Amino acid sequence: MLKTEKIPELDYIASVVRVRAAAGVVLRDELGRVLVVHPTYKDVWELPGGTLELDESPAAACDRELEEELGLVVSTGKLLCVDWVPPSPPWDGGLMFLFDGGVLSAAQIGAIRLCAEELDRFEFVEPARLQEVLIERLARRVNAALEASARGGGVYLEDGVAVAKA
């Protein structure tokens, strides 16, 4: 009979909290407006992006989602923010990443092809109007990311609010 040993390291690993993660990208037009998309399965507007797949990095998730949802091959740029989103049942807490996708040319915008199973429309919105279009937490996240980008850096957020760390 084989004796099985308990390995403390495996017990510890099994006990470590796991969080959901998603990544989005801030794409702008030449007027500085932000691209928002309308999913077919929700009654709210979102940014392009989505949930990370198994073993996928946040940047890779953005690149994949842009190609799948919009037919765009645009490499995501610098990280604009990481936002800790507290649990809101049935959802667990999570980490949301926003990357800078840069400014789309008129040709790139004209080449957008929506994945009909996921999105039914897109629009470019003035940053000052994002709170009218996006859910409150996402509007806070995007605006904080845009402000951080204008200062040349990124920002850490909790529930869409910048947290100053010394």
C-alpha atoms as a PDB file:
ATOM      1  CA  MET A   1       0.000   0.000   0.000  1.00  0.00           C
ATOM      2  CA  LEU A   2       1.341   3.402  -0.966  1.00  0.00           C
ATOM      3  CA  LYS A   3       1.461   6.047   1.672  1.00  0.00           C
ATOM      4  CA  THR A   4       0.411   9.451   0.418  1.00  0.00           C
ATOM      5  CA  GLU A   5       2.041  12.446   1.994  1.00  0.00           C
ATOM      6  CA  LYS A   6       0.411  15.766   2.392  1.00  0.00           C
ATOM      7  CA  ILE A   7       2.532  18.443   0.787  1.00  0.00           C
ATOM      8  CA  PRO A   8       2.187  21.718   2.720  1.00  0.00           C
ATOM      9  CA  GLU A   9       3.061  23.810  -0.327  1.00  0.00           C
ATOM     10  CA  LEU A  10       0.136  22.363  -2.300  1.00  0.00           C
ATOM     11  CA  ASP A  11      -2.236  23.067   0.587  1.00  0.00           C
ATOM     12  CA  TYR A  12      -1.035  26.640   0.668  1.00  0.00           C
ATOM     13  CA  ILE A  13      -1.395  27.064  -3.097  1.00  0.00           C
ATOM     14  CA  ALA A  14      -4.938  25.673  -2.936  1.00  0.00           C
ATOM     15  CA  SER A  15      -5.805  28.212  -0.227  1.00  0.00           C
ATOM     16  CA  VAL A  16      -4.569  31.285  -2.122  1.00  0.00           C
ATOM     17  CA  VAL A  17      -7.396  33.571  -3.217  1.00  0.00           C
ATOM     18  CA  ARG A  18      -8.112  33.700  -6.915  1.00  0.00           C
ATOM     19  CA  VAL A  19      -9.661  36.706  -8.601  1.00  0.00           C
ATOM     20  CA  ARG A  20     -11.329  37.226 -11.909  1.00  0.00           C
ATOM     21  CA  ALA A  21      -9.487  39.459 -14.332  1.00  0.00           C
ATOM     22  CA  ALA A  22     -10.467  41.387 -17.404  1.00  0.00           C
ATOM     23  CA  ALA A  23      -8.722  43.832 -19.680  1.00  0.00           C
ATOM     24  CA  GLY A  24      -9.911  46.644 -21.856  1.00  0.00           C
ATOM     25  CA  VAL A  25      -8.412  49.131 -24.227  1.00  0.00           C
ATOM     26  CA  VAL A  26      -8.923  52.861 -24.595  1.00  0.00           C
ATOM     27  CA  LEU A  27      -9.051  53.685 -28.301  1.00  0.00           C
ATOM     28  CA  ARG A  28      -9.580  57.247 -29.470  1.00  0.00           C
ATOM     29  CA  ASP A  29     -10.371  58.946 -32.720  1.00  0.00           C
ATOM     30  CA  GLU A  30      -8.499  61.967 -34.057  1.00  0.00           C
ATOM     31  CA  LEU A  31     -10.844  64.265 -32.090  1.00  0.00           C
ATOM     32  CA  GLY A  32      -9.925  62.593 -28.770  1.00  0.00           C
ATOM     33  CA  ARG A  33     -13.245  60.797 -28.387  1.00  0.00           C
ATOM     34  CA  VAL A  34     -13.224  57.339 -26.763  1.00  0.00           C
ATOM     35  CA  LEU A  35     -14.505  54.244 -28.574  1.00  0.00           C
ATOM     36  CA  VAL A  36     -17.315  52.461 -26.719  1.00  0.00           C
ATOM     37  CA  VAL A  37     -19.080  49.308 -27.847  1.00  0.00           C
ATOM     38  CA  HIS A  38     -22.537  47.913 -27.169  1.00  0.00           C
ATOM     39  CA  PRO A  39     -22.649  44.168 -26.416  1.00  0.00           C
ATOM     40  CA  THR A  40     -25.600  42.204 -27.775  1.00  0.00           C
ATOM     41  CA  TYR A  41     -25.984  40.395 -24.433  1.00  0.00           C
ATOM     42  CA  LYS A  42     -26.087  43.477 -22.143  1.00  0.00           C
ATOM     43  CA  ASP A  43     -28.042  46.681 -21.955  1.00  0.00           C
ATOM     44  CA  VAL A  44     -24.959  48.801 -21.220  1.00  0.00           C
ATOM     45  CA  TRP A  45     -22.036  50.197 -23.170  1.00  0.00           C
ATOM     46  CA  GLU A  46     -18.496  48.909 -22.570  1.00  0.00           C
ATOM     47  CA  LEU A  47     -14.942  49.432 -23.747  1.00  0.00           C
ATOM     48  CA  PRO A  48     -13.485  46.893 -26.163  1.00  0.00           C
ATOM     49  CA  GLY A  49     -11.960  44.033 -24.199  1.00  0.00           C
ATOM     50  CA  GLY A  50     -13.055  41.159 -22.053  1.00  0.00           C
ATOM     51  CA  THR A  51     -12.278  38.472 -19.543  1.00  0.00           C
ATOM     52  CA  LEU A  52      -8.895  36.794 -19.598  1.00  0.00           C
ATOM     53  CA  GLU A  53      -8.821  33.209 -20.788  1.00  0.00           C
ATOM     54  CA  LEU A  54      -6.865  30.502 -18.983  1.00  0.00           C
ATOM     55  CA  ASP A  55      -3.147  31.400 -18.790  1.00  0.00           C
ATOM     56  CA  GLU A  56      -3.650  34.533 -20.924  1.00  0.00           C
ATOM     57  CA  SER A  57      -2.005  37.834 -20.045  1.00  0.00           C
ATOM     58  CA  PRO A  58      -4.094  41.014 -19.825  1.00  0.00           C
ATOM     59  CA  ALA A  59      -2.307  42.544 -22.843  1.00  0.00           C
ATOM     60  CA  ALA A  60      -2.820  39.384 -24.898  1.00  0.00           C
ATOM     61  CA  ALA A  61      -6.517  39.363 -23.928  1.00  0.00           C
ATOM     62  CA  CYS A  62      -6.885  42.920 -25.249  1.00  0.00           C
ATOM     63  CA  ASP A  63      -5.190  42.083 -28.523  1.00  0.00           C
ATOM     64  CA  ARG A  64      -7.364  38.968 -28.936  1.00  0.00           C
ATOM     65  CA  GLU A  65     -10.597  40.771 -28.070  1.00  0.00           C
ATOM     66  CA  LEU A  66      -9.858  43.655 -30.463  1.00  0.00           C
ATOM     67  CA  GLU A  67      -9.394  41.246 -33.322  1.00  0.00           C
ATOM     68  CA  GLU A  68     -12.387  39.073 -32.372  1.00  0.00           C
ATOM     69  CA  GLU A  69     -14.850  41.876 -31.584  1.00  0.00           C
ATOM     70  CA  LEU A  70     -13.796  44.634 -33.990  1.00  0.00           C
ATOM     71  CA  GLY A  71     -11.640  42.963 -36.624  1.00  0.00           C
ATOM     72  CA  LEU A  72      -8.774  45.271 -35.644  1.00  0.00           C
ATOM     73  CA  VAL A  73      -5.166  44.266 -35.244  1.00  0.00           C
ATOM     74  CA  VAL A  74      -3.864  46.979 -32.930  1.00  0.00           C
ATOM     75  CA  SER A  75      -1.171  46.285 -30.374  1.00  0.00           C
ATOM     76  CA  THR A  76      -2.100  47.610 -26.995  1.00  0.00           C
ATOM     77  CA  GLY A  77       0.212  50.271 -25.650  1.00  0.00           C
ATOM     78  CA  LYS A  78       1.127  51.183 -22.120  1.00  0.00           C
ATOM     79  CA  LEU A  79      -0.864  50.147 -19.107  1.00  0.00           C
ATOM     80  CA  LEU A  80      -3.095  53.046 -18.055  1.00  0.00           C
ATOM     81  CA  CYS A  81      -4.574  51.568 -14.890  1.00  0.00           C
ATOM     82  CA  VAL A  82      -5.281  48.572 -12.727  1.00  0.00           C
ATOM     83  CA  ASP A  83      -8.590  48.723 -10.878  1.00  0.00           C
ATOM     84  CA  TRP A  84      -9.460  46.470  -7.950  1.00  0.00           C
ATOM     85  CA  VAL A  85     -13.206  45.849  -8.158  1.00  0.00           C
ATOM     86  CA  PRO A  86     -14.730  44.610  -4.894  1.00  0.00           C
ATOM     87  CA  PRO A  87     -17.035  41.586  -4.861  1.00  0.00           C
ATOM     88  CA  SER A  88     -20.603  42.211  -5.959  1.00  0.00           C
ATOM     89  CA  PRO A  89     -22.468  38.897  -5.811  1.00  0.00           C
ATOM     90  CA  PRO A  90     -22.678  36.839  -7.845  1.00  0.00           C
ATOM     91  CA  TRP A  91     -19.313  38.243  -8.960  1.00  0.00           C
ATOM     92  CA  ASP A  92     -16.121  37.797  -6.966  1.00  0.00           C
ATOM     93  CA  GLY A  93     -13.681  40.662  -6.626  1.00  0.00           C
ATOM     94  CA  GLY A  94     -11.471  41.254  -9.613  1.00  0.00           C
ATOM     95  CA  LEU A  95      -8.648  43.106 -11.261  1.00  0.00           C
ATOM     96  CA  MET A  96      -9.467  45.193 -14.306  1.00  0.00           C
ATOM     97  CA  PHE A  97      -6.661  46.375 -16.575  1.00  0.00           C
ATOM     98  CA  LEU A  98      -6.942  49.263 -19.049  1.00  0.00           C
ATOM     99  CA  PHE A  99      -4.391  49.715 -21.811  1.00  0.00           C
ATOM    100  CA  ASP A 100      -3.821  52.588 -24.205  1.00  0.00           C
ATOM    101  CA  GLY A 101      -4.771  51.612 -27.748  1.00  0.00           C
ATOM    102  CA  GLY A 102      -3.785  54.963 -29.206  1.00  0.00           C
ATOM    103  CA  VAL A 103      -5.545  57.007 -31.860  1.00  0.00           C
ATOM    104  CA  LEU A 104      -7.313  55.206 -34.680  1.00  0.00           C
ATOM    105  CA  SER A 105      -6.997  56.652 -38.169  1.00  0.00           C
ATOM    106  CA  ALA A 106     -10.050  57.185 -40.356  1.00  0.00           C
ATOM    107  CA  ALA A 107      -8.990  54.098 -42.345  1.00  0.00           C
ATOM    108  CA  GLN A 108      -8.815  51.958 -39.197  1.00  0.00           C
ATOM    109  CA  ILE A 109     -12.232  53.184 -38.073  1.00  0.00           C
ATOM    110  CA  GLY A 110     -13.617  52.403 -41.520  1.00  0.00           C
ATOM    111  CA  ALA A 111     -12.175  48.889 -41.261  1.00  0.00           C
ATOM    112  CA  ILE A 112     -13.998  48.059 -38.007  1.00  0.00           C
ATOM    113  CA  ARG A 113     -16.096  44.940 -38.449  1.00  0.00           C
ATOM    114  CA  LEU A 114     -18.262  44.071 -35.462  1.00  0.00           C
ATOM    115  CA  CYS A 115     -18.600  40.461 -34.374  1.00  0.00           C
ATOM    116  CA  ALA A 116     -22.402  40.198 -34.699  1.00  0.00           C
ATOM    117  CA  GLU A 117     -22.675  37.584 -31.922  1.00  0.00           C
ATOM    118  CA  GLU A 118     -21.019  39.940 -29.424  1.00  0.00           C
ATOM    119  CA  LEU A 119     -21.524  43.566 -30.496  1.00  0.00           C
ATOM    120  CA  ASP A 120     -24.289  45.410 -32.296  1.00  0.00           C
ATOM    121  CA  ARG A 121     -22.802  48.918 -32.511  1.00  0.00           C
ATOM    122  CA  PHE A 122     -19.966  51.226 -31.586  1.00  0.00           C
ATOM    123  CA  GLU A 123     -19.633  54.931 -31.039  1.00  0.00           C
ATOM    124  CA  PHE A 124     -16.983  57.518 -30.221  1.00  0.00           C
ATOM    125  CA  VAL A 125     -17.836  59.538 -27.109  1.00  0.00           C
ATOM    126  CA  GLU A 126     -16.336  62.742 -25.725  1.00  0.00           C
ATOM    127  CA  PRO A 127     -14.506  61.991 -22.449  1.00  0.00           C
ATOM    128  CA  ALA A 128     -16.746  64.517 -20.652  1.00  0.00           C
ATOM    129  CA  ARG A 129     -19.794  62.427 -21.651  1.00  0.00           C
ATOM    130  CA  LEU A 130     -18.494  59.001 -20.617  1.00  0.00           C
ATOM    131  CA  GLN A 131     -20.462  59.068 -17.337  1.00  0.00           C
ATOM    132  CA  GLU A 132     -23.664  59.389 -19.418  1.00  0.00           C
ATOM    133  CA  VAL A 133     -22.859  56.302 -21.481  1.00  0.00           C
ATOM    134  CA  LEU A 134     -20.887  53.885 -19.282  1.00  0.00           C
ATOM    135  CA  ILE A 135     -21.801  52.413 -15.927  1.00  0.00           C
ATOM    136  CA  GLU A 136     -20.536  54.642 -13.131  1.00  0.00           C
ATOM    137  CA  ARG A 137     -17.571  52.490 -12.078  1.00  0.00           C
ATOM    138  CA  LEU A 138     -16.333  52.062 -15.653  1.00  0.00           C
ATOM    139  CA  ALA A 139     -16.702  55.782 -16.377  1.00  0.00           C
ATOM    140  CA  ARG A 140     -14.612  56.551 -13.273  1.00  0.00           C
ATOM    141  CA  ARG A 141     -12.006  54.009 -14.393  1.00  0.00           C
ATOM    142  CA  VAL A 142     -11.725  55.386 -17.917  1.00  0.00           C
ATOM    143  CA  ASN A 143     -11.582  59.003 -16.781  1.00  0.00           C
ATOM    144  CA  ALA A 144      -8.905  58.201 -14.182  1.00  0.00           C
ATOM    145  CA  ALA A 145      -6.919  56.336 -16.843  1.00  0.00           C
ATOM    146  CA  LEU A 146      -7.191  59.272 -19.260  1.00  0.00           C
ATOM    147  CA  GLU A 147      -6.041  61.700 -16.561  1.00  0.00           C
ATOM    148  CA  ALA A 148      -3.085  59.458 -15.656  1.00  0.00           C
ATOM    149  CA  SER A 149      -2.177  59.118 -19.325  1.00  0.00           C
ATOM    150  CA  ALA A 150      -2.195  62.911 -19.747  1.00  0.00           C
ATOM    151  CA  ARG A 151       0.317  63.070 -16.869  1.00  0.00           C
ATOM    152  CA  GLY A 152       2.460  60.444 -18.571  1.00  0.00           C
ATOM    153  CA  GLY A 153       1.842  57.581 -16.161  1.00  0.00           C
ATOM    154  CA  GLY A 154      -0.542  54.968 -14.948  1.00  0.00           C
ATOM    155  CA  VAL A 155      -2.762  54.778 -11.886  1.00  0.00           C
ATOM    156  CA  TYR A 156      -3.890  52.217  -9.326  1.00  0.00           C
ATOM    157  CA  LEU A 157      -7.617  52.330  -8.587  1.00  0.00           C
ATOM    158  CA  GLU A 158     -10.009  50.701  -6.157  1.00  0.00           C
ATOM    159  CA  ASP A 159     -13.565  50.597  -7.477  1.00  0.00           C
ATOM    160  CA  GLY A 160     -12.645  53.249 -10.025  1.00  0.00           C
ATOM    161  CA  VAL A 161     -11.130  55.690  -7.509  1.00  0.00           C
ATOM    162  CA  ALA A 162      -7.418  56.529  -7.438  1.00  0.00           C
ATOM    163  CA  VAL A 163      -5.643  55.335  -4.310  1.00  0.00           C
ATOM    164  CA  ALA A 164      -2.589  57.342  -3.330  1.00  0.00           C
ATOM    165  CA  LYS A 165       0.224  55.120  -2.128  1.00  0.00           C
ATOM    166  CA  ALA A 166       3.306  56.669  -0.589  1.00  0.00           C
END
